[in-house]
């Protein structure tokens, strides 16, 4: 009997690849964005006419991108996974840009920020769909300048973006070969290790920076839940950090980037 393409074993079936810890990371991050999407739902996006926080949809979309990454990685298409990782990076930049732009441009006189409103309505791009412009805007802003100065003390983040670009544009022939899940490549696991590191780095970048910018996003719902039920909230419960956020900061960010952890903690002492 001749095996079809679905049944034929690939390099993704090798135990070392199949059981790689990157898949556990993806499961964890997917669950995190699912929880975050729900957690920020009731925070109004000031400067727009949106009834529901627009970040709710951004985070659920990112959750979908990570699910796509998991799917193509399971299939052994490592090059395509890097392309999607670049999309994840783009989503992070977009998320920071919209939050920062709204904060800087809304006022009592200008309650609706037209540039973001037009983007929400599908009438304009942000800005001209230019990743570079948005990156410069957030990295050079007074609000995030110190954060990115600390972040980029490590060269890993620049290397991550370049690695994603190489796979997106097939800049080297190796980028072609690694996406073929039937080709033996002695560096496949080494590259998967790099992918895991790149994924963690981007996740840390996003979670640290968005909470550094919007520390209210970290709040637990204990206080509001008590009020909704007609109960008196516990003292200082309005400052508590949501457990799923506290867990990710303690288990990952504090261990891998204590400098960023300290910056966020200064903004939100209860972290």
Protein backbone atom coordinates (compact mmCIF):
# COMPACT_ATOMS: atom_id res chain seq x y z
CA UNK A 1 0.00 0.00 0.00
CA UNK A 2 1.30 3.49 -0.89
CA UNK A 3 1.08 6.06 1.89
CA UNK A 4 -0.38 9.43 0.98
CA UNK A 5 1.20 12.70 2.13
CA UNK A 6 -0.84 12.83 5.32
CA UNK A 7 0.22 9.36 6.44
CA UNK A 8 3.87 9.53 5.40
CA UNK A 9 6.19 10.15 8.41
CA UNK A 10 8.00 13.50 8.47
CA UNK A 11 10.72 15.06 10.58
CA UNK A 12 7.92 16.48 12.75
CA UNK A 13 7.24 12.90 13.86
CA UNK A 14 10.70 12.56 15.39
CA UNK A 15 10.29 12.32 19.19
CA UNK A 16 12.78 15.12 19.90
CA UNK A 17 10.78 17.48 17.68
CA UNK A 18 7.32 16.24 18.60
CA UNK A 19 7.91 16.52 22.35
CA UNK A 20 9.73 19.86 22.26
CA UNK A 21 8.84 22.26 25.09
CA UNK A 22 7.87 25.00 22.62
CA UNK A 23 4.47 23.33 22.32
CA UNK A 24 3.93 23.68 26.06
CA UNK A 25 4.85 27.36 25.78
CA UNK A 26 2.36 27.85 22.98
CA UNK A 27 -0.41 26.22 25.00
CA UNK A 28 0.40 28.50 27.94
CA UNK A 29 0.52 31.69 25.85
CA UNK A 30 -2.68 30.81 23.98
CA UNK A 31 -4.47 30.37 27.29
CA UNK A 32 -3.02 33.64 28.58
CA UNK A 33 -4.30 35.71 25.65
CA UNK A 34 -7.69 34.05 25.95
CA UNK A 35 -7.88 35.14 29.60
CA UNK A 36 -6.50 38.62 28.85
CA UNK A 37 -9.04 39.18 26.09
CA UNK A 38 -11.86 38.56 28.56
CA UNK A 39 -10.16 40.44 31.41
CA UNK A 40 -9.90 43.80 29.55
CA UNK A 41 -13.39 43.58 28.06
CA UNK A 42 -14.98 46.21 30.30
CA UNK A 43 -12.23 48.84 30.08
CA UNK A 44 -13.48 51.49 27.65
CA UNK A 45 -11.20 52.41 24.76
CA UNK A 46 -11.23 56.16 25.30
CA UNK A 47 -10.83 58.22 22.15
CA UNK A 48 -13.06 55.96 20.05
CA UNK A 49 -16.77 55.21 19.71
CA UNK A 50 -16.15 51.52 20.44
CA UNK A 51 -18.50 50.02 23.01
CA UNK A 52 -16.20 47.07 23.73
CA UNK A 53 -12.48 47.52 24.35
CA UNK A 54 -10.75 47.10 20.99
CA UNK A 55 -7.87 45.28 22.68
CA UNK A 56 -10.29 42.47 23.48
CA UNK A 57 -10.36 41.68 19.77
CA UNK A 58 -6.63 42.28 19.32
CA UNK A 59 -5.80 39.74 22.02
CA UNK A 60 -8.23 37.13 20.73
CA UNK A 61 -6.73 37.64 17.25
CA UNK A 62 -3.23 37.13 18.65
CA UNK A 63 -4.52 34.00 20.35
CA UNK A 64 -5.57 32.81 16.90
CA UNK A 65 -2.15 33.57 15.43
CA UNK A 66 -0.49 31.49 18.15
CA UNK A 67 -2.92 28.66 17.45
CA UNK A 68 -1.89 28.85 13.78
CA UNK A 69 1.78 28.76 14.78
CA UNK A 70 1.13 25.65 16.85
CA UNK A 71 -0.62 23.99 13.92
CA UNK A 72 2.12 24.64 11.36
CA UNK A 73 4.86 23.73 13.85
CA UNK A 74 3.07 20.42 14.50
CA UNK A 75 3.23 19.84 10.76
CA UNK A 76 6.99 20.54 10.77
CA UNK A 77 6.72 23.69 8.65
CA UNK A 78 9.25 25.61 10.69
CA UNK A 79 9.80 28.35 8.10
CA UNK A 80 6.10 29.15 7.95
CA UNK A 81 6.03 29.31 11.76
CA UNK A 82 8.66 32.07 11.64
CA UNK A 83 6.51 33.97 9.14
CA UNK A 84 3.60 33.81 11.57
CA UNK A 85 5.95 34.83 14.38
CA UNK A 86 6.65 37.99 12.42
CA UNK A 87 2.88 38.59 12.26
CA UNK A 88 2.79 38.20 16.03
CA UNK A 89 5.54 40.82 16.28
CA UNK A 90 3.52 43.13 13.99
CA UNK A 91 0.44 42.65 16.18
CA UNK A 92 2.40 43.65 19.28
CA UNK A 93 3.62 46.84 17.62
CA UNK A 94 0.10 47.65 16.41
CA UNK A 95 -1.33 47.09 19.89
CA UNK A 96 1.20 49.38 21.54
CA UNK A 97 0.83 52.00 18.81
CA UNK A 98 -2.97 52.26 19.07
CA UNK A 99 -2.89 52.45 22.86
CA UNK A 100 -0.16 55.06 22.90
CA UNK A 101 -1.60 57.12 20.03
CA UNK A 102 -5.02 57.28 21.69
CA UNK A 103 -3.50 58.28 25.01
CA UNK A 104 -1.43 61.08 23.46
CA UNK A 105 -4.06 62.50 21.10
CA UNK A 106 -7.39 62.45 22.93
CA UNK A 107 -8.53 65.34 25.09
CA UNK A 108 -11.72 66.89 26.45
CA UNK A 109 -12.01 68.90 23.26
CA UNK A 110 -11.03 65.97 21.02
CA UNK A 111 -12.89 63.02 22.49
CA UNK A 112 -12.68 60.98 19.28
CA UNK A 113 -9.24 60.41 17.72
CA UNK A 114 -9.99 60.39 14.01
CA UNK A 115 -6.96 58.38 12.86
CA UNK A 116 -7.81 55.39 15.05
CA UNK A 117 -11.55 55.75 14.45
CA UNK A 118 -10.98 55.64 10.69
CA UNK A 119 -8.86 52.50 11.09
CA UNK A 120 -11.59 50.84 13.15
CA UNK A 121 -14.11 51.69 10.43
CA UNK A 122 -11.88 50.23 7.71
CA UNK A 123 -11.36 53.64 6.10
CA UNK A 124 -7.61 54.11 6.73
CA UNK A 125 -4.39 52.27 7.56
CA UNK A 126 -2.10 52.85 10.52
CA UNK A 127 0.00 54.82 9.46
CA UNK A 128 0.11 53.81 5.80
CA UNK A 129 0.41 50.23 7.05
CA UNK A 130 4.03 50.95 7.95
CA UNK A 131 5.58 48.73 10.63
CA UNK A 132 8.73 50.87 10.75
CA UNK A 133 6.83 54.09 11.43
CA UNK A 134 4.80 52.53 14.22
CA UNK A 135 7.93 50.99 15.78
CA UNK A 136 9.75 54.32 15.81
CA UNK A 137 6.70 56.04 17.25
CA UNK A 138 6.44 53.75 20.27
CA UNK A 139 10.17 53.30 20.85
CA UNK A 140 10.86 57.04 20.83
CA UNK A 141 7.80 58.06 22.88
CA UNK A 142 8.33 59.57 26.31
CA UNK A 143 6.02 56.94 27.78
CA UNK A 144 7.97 53.91 26.49
CA UNK A 145 11.44 55.28 25.72
CA UNK A 146 12.96 54.02 28.98
CA UNK A 147 11.26 50.66 28.60
CA UNK A 148 12.69 50.04 25.13
CA UNK A 149 16.08 51.34 26.15
CA UNK A 150 16.12 48.62 28.82
CA UNK A 151 14.66 45.99 26.49
CA UNK A 152 17.24 46.50 23.76
CA UNK A 153 20.20 46.03 26.06
CA UNK A 154 19.80 42.48 24.76
CA UNK A 155 20.43 42.06 21.02
CA UNK A 156 18.03 39.13 20.87
CA UNK A 157 15.03 41.23 19.85
CA UNK A 158 16.67 42.69 16.76
CA UNK A 159 17.90 39.22 15.84
CA UNK A 160 14.39 37.80 16.21
CA UNK A 161 12.96 40.28 13.71
CA UNK A 162 15.76 39.61 11.23
CA UNK A 163 15.30 35.85 11.56
CA UNK A 164 11.58 36.19 10.85
CA UNK A 165 12.32 38.38 7.83
CA UNK A 166 14.79 35.82 6.47
CA UNK A 167 12.13 33.11 6.52
CA UNK A 168 9.42 35.42 5.16
CA UNK A 169 11.48 36.40 2.12
CA UNK A 170 13.56 33.21 1.71
CA UNK A 171 16.71 35.31 2.07
CA UNK A 172 18.83 32.14 2.22
CA UNK A 173 18.38 28.74 0.61
CA UNK A 174 18.39 27.20 4.09
CA UNK A 175 15.11 29.05 4.68
CA UNK A 176 13.62 27.08 1.80
CA UNK A 177 14.91 23.71 3.00
CA UNK A 178 13.84 24.07 6.64
CA UNK A 179 10.21 24.48 5.60
CA UNK A 180 10.29 21.06 3.90
CA UNK A 181 9.33 18.68 6.67
CA UNK A 182 10.74 15.67 4.84
CA UNK A 183 14.27 17.01 4.37
CA UNK A 184 16.83 15.92 6.95
CA UNK A 185 18.41 18.98 8.49
CA UNK A 186 20.80 18.49 11.43
CA UNK A 187 20.02 22.03 12.58
CA UNK A 188 16.24 21.54 12.79
CA UNK A 189 16.13 21.14 16.58
CA UNK A 190 18.67 23.92 17.01
CA UNK A 191 16.41 26.22 15.00
CA UNK A 192 13.37 25.05 16.96
CA UNK A 193 15.24 26.03 20.13
CA UNK A 194 15.78 29.48 18.63
CA UNK A 195 12.10 29.67 17.74
CA UNK A 196 11.18 28.91 21.34
CA UNK A 197 13.50 31.68 22.54
CA UNK A 198 12.14 34.14 19.96
CA UNK A 199 8.56 33.31 20.93
CA UNK A 200 9.30 33.84 24.62
CA UNK A 201 11.09 37.11 23.90
CA UNK A 202 8.16 38.52 21.93
CA UNK A 203 5.68 37.41 24.56
CA UNK A 204 7.75 39.08 27.30
CA UNK A 205 8.07 42.23 25.17
CA UNK A 206 4.32 42.44 24.68
CA UNK A 207 3.13 41.60 28.17
CA UNK A 208 5.73 43.76 29.92
CA UNK A 209 5.22 46.80 27.68
CA UNK A 210 1.42 46.77 27.55
CA UNK A 211 1.20 46.49 31.34
CA UNK A 212 3.92 49.12 31.74
CA UNK A 213 1.77 51.40 29.58
CA UNK A 214 -1.64 50.30 30.93
CA UNK A 215 -1.10 49.08 34.46
CA UNK A 216 -4.88 49.03 35.06
CA UNK A 217 -5.06 46.05 32.68
CA UNK A 218 -3.45 43.98 35.43
CA UNK A 219 -6.29 44.39 37.90
CA UNK A 220 -8.23 41.40 39.13
CA UNK A 221 -12.02 41.42 39.01
CA UNK A 222 -12.42 40.67 42.76
CA UNK A 223 -13.42 44.21 43.63
CA UNK A 224 -15.98 44.67 40.84
CA UNK A 225 -17.29 41.12 41.30
CA UNK A 226 -18.02 41.89 44.96
CA UNK A 227 -19.79 45.13 44.06
CA UNK A 228 -21.86 43.37 41.38
CA UNK A 229 -23.02 40.87 44.00
CA UNK A 230 -23.87 43.61 46.51
CA UNK A 231 -20.96 42.70 48.78
CA UNK A 232 -18.36 44.96 50.39
CA UNK A 233 -15.01 44.41 48.60
CA UNK A 234 -12.01 43.39 50.65
CA UNK A 235 -9.64 46.24 51.59
CA UNK A 236 -7.34 47.29 48.69
CA UNK A 237 -8.84 44.61 46.40
CA UNK A 238 -9.10 47.27 43.68
CA UNK A 239 -5.31 47.08 43.45
CA UNK A 240 -4.97 43.29 43.27
CA UNK A 241 -3.37 41.71 40.23
CA UNK A 242 -5.33 39.06 38.34
CA UNK A 243 -3.94 35.61 39.29
CA UNK A 244 -3.22 34.52 35.70
CA UNK A 245 -1.16 37.68 35.19
CA UNK A 246 0.68 37.29 38.49
CA UNK A 247 1.53 33.70 37.59
CA UNK A 248 3.06 34.55 34.21
CA UNK A 249 5.11 37.38 35.71
CA UNK A 250 6.45 35.14 38.47
CA UNK A 251 7.09 32.05 36.35
CA UNK A 252 8.54 33.67 33.23
CA UNK A 253 9.18 37.40 33.16
CA UNK A 254 10.79 37.74 36.58
CA UNK A 255 13.11 34.82 35.81
CA UNK A 256 14.08 35.69 32.23
CA UNK A 257 13.97 39.50 32.31
CA UNK A 258 14.17 40.70 35.94
CA UNK A 259 15.01 44.20 34.68
CA UNK A 260 11.67 44.49 32.87
CA UNK A 261 9.88 42.87 35.78
CA UNK A 262 11.28 45.54 38.09
CA UNK A 263 10.12 48.32 35.75
CA UNK A 264 6.56 47.00 35.64
CA UNK A 265 6.56 46.40 39.40
CA UNK A 266 7.48 50.04 39.99
CA UNK A 267 4.40 51.04 38.01
CA UNK A 268 2.21 48.47 39.79
CA UNK A 269 3.66 47.59 43.26
CA UNK A 270 1.18 44.74 43.78
CA UNK A 271 2.76 42.69 40.97
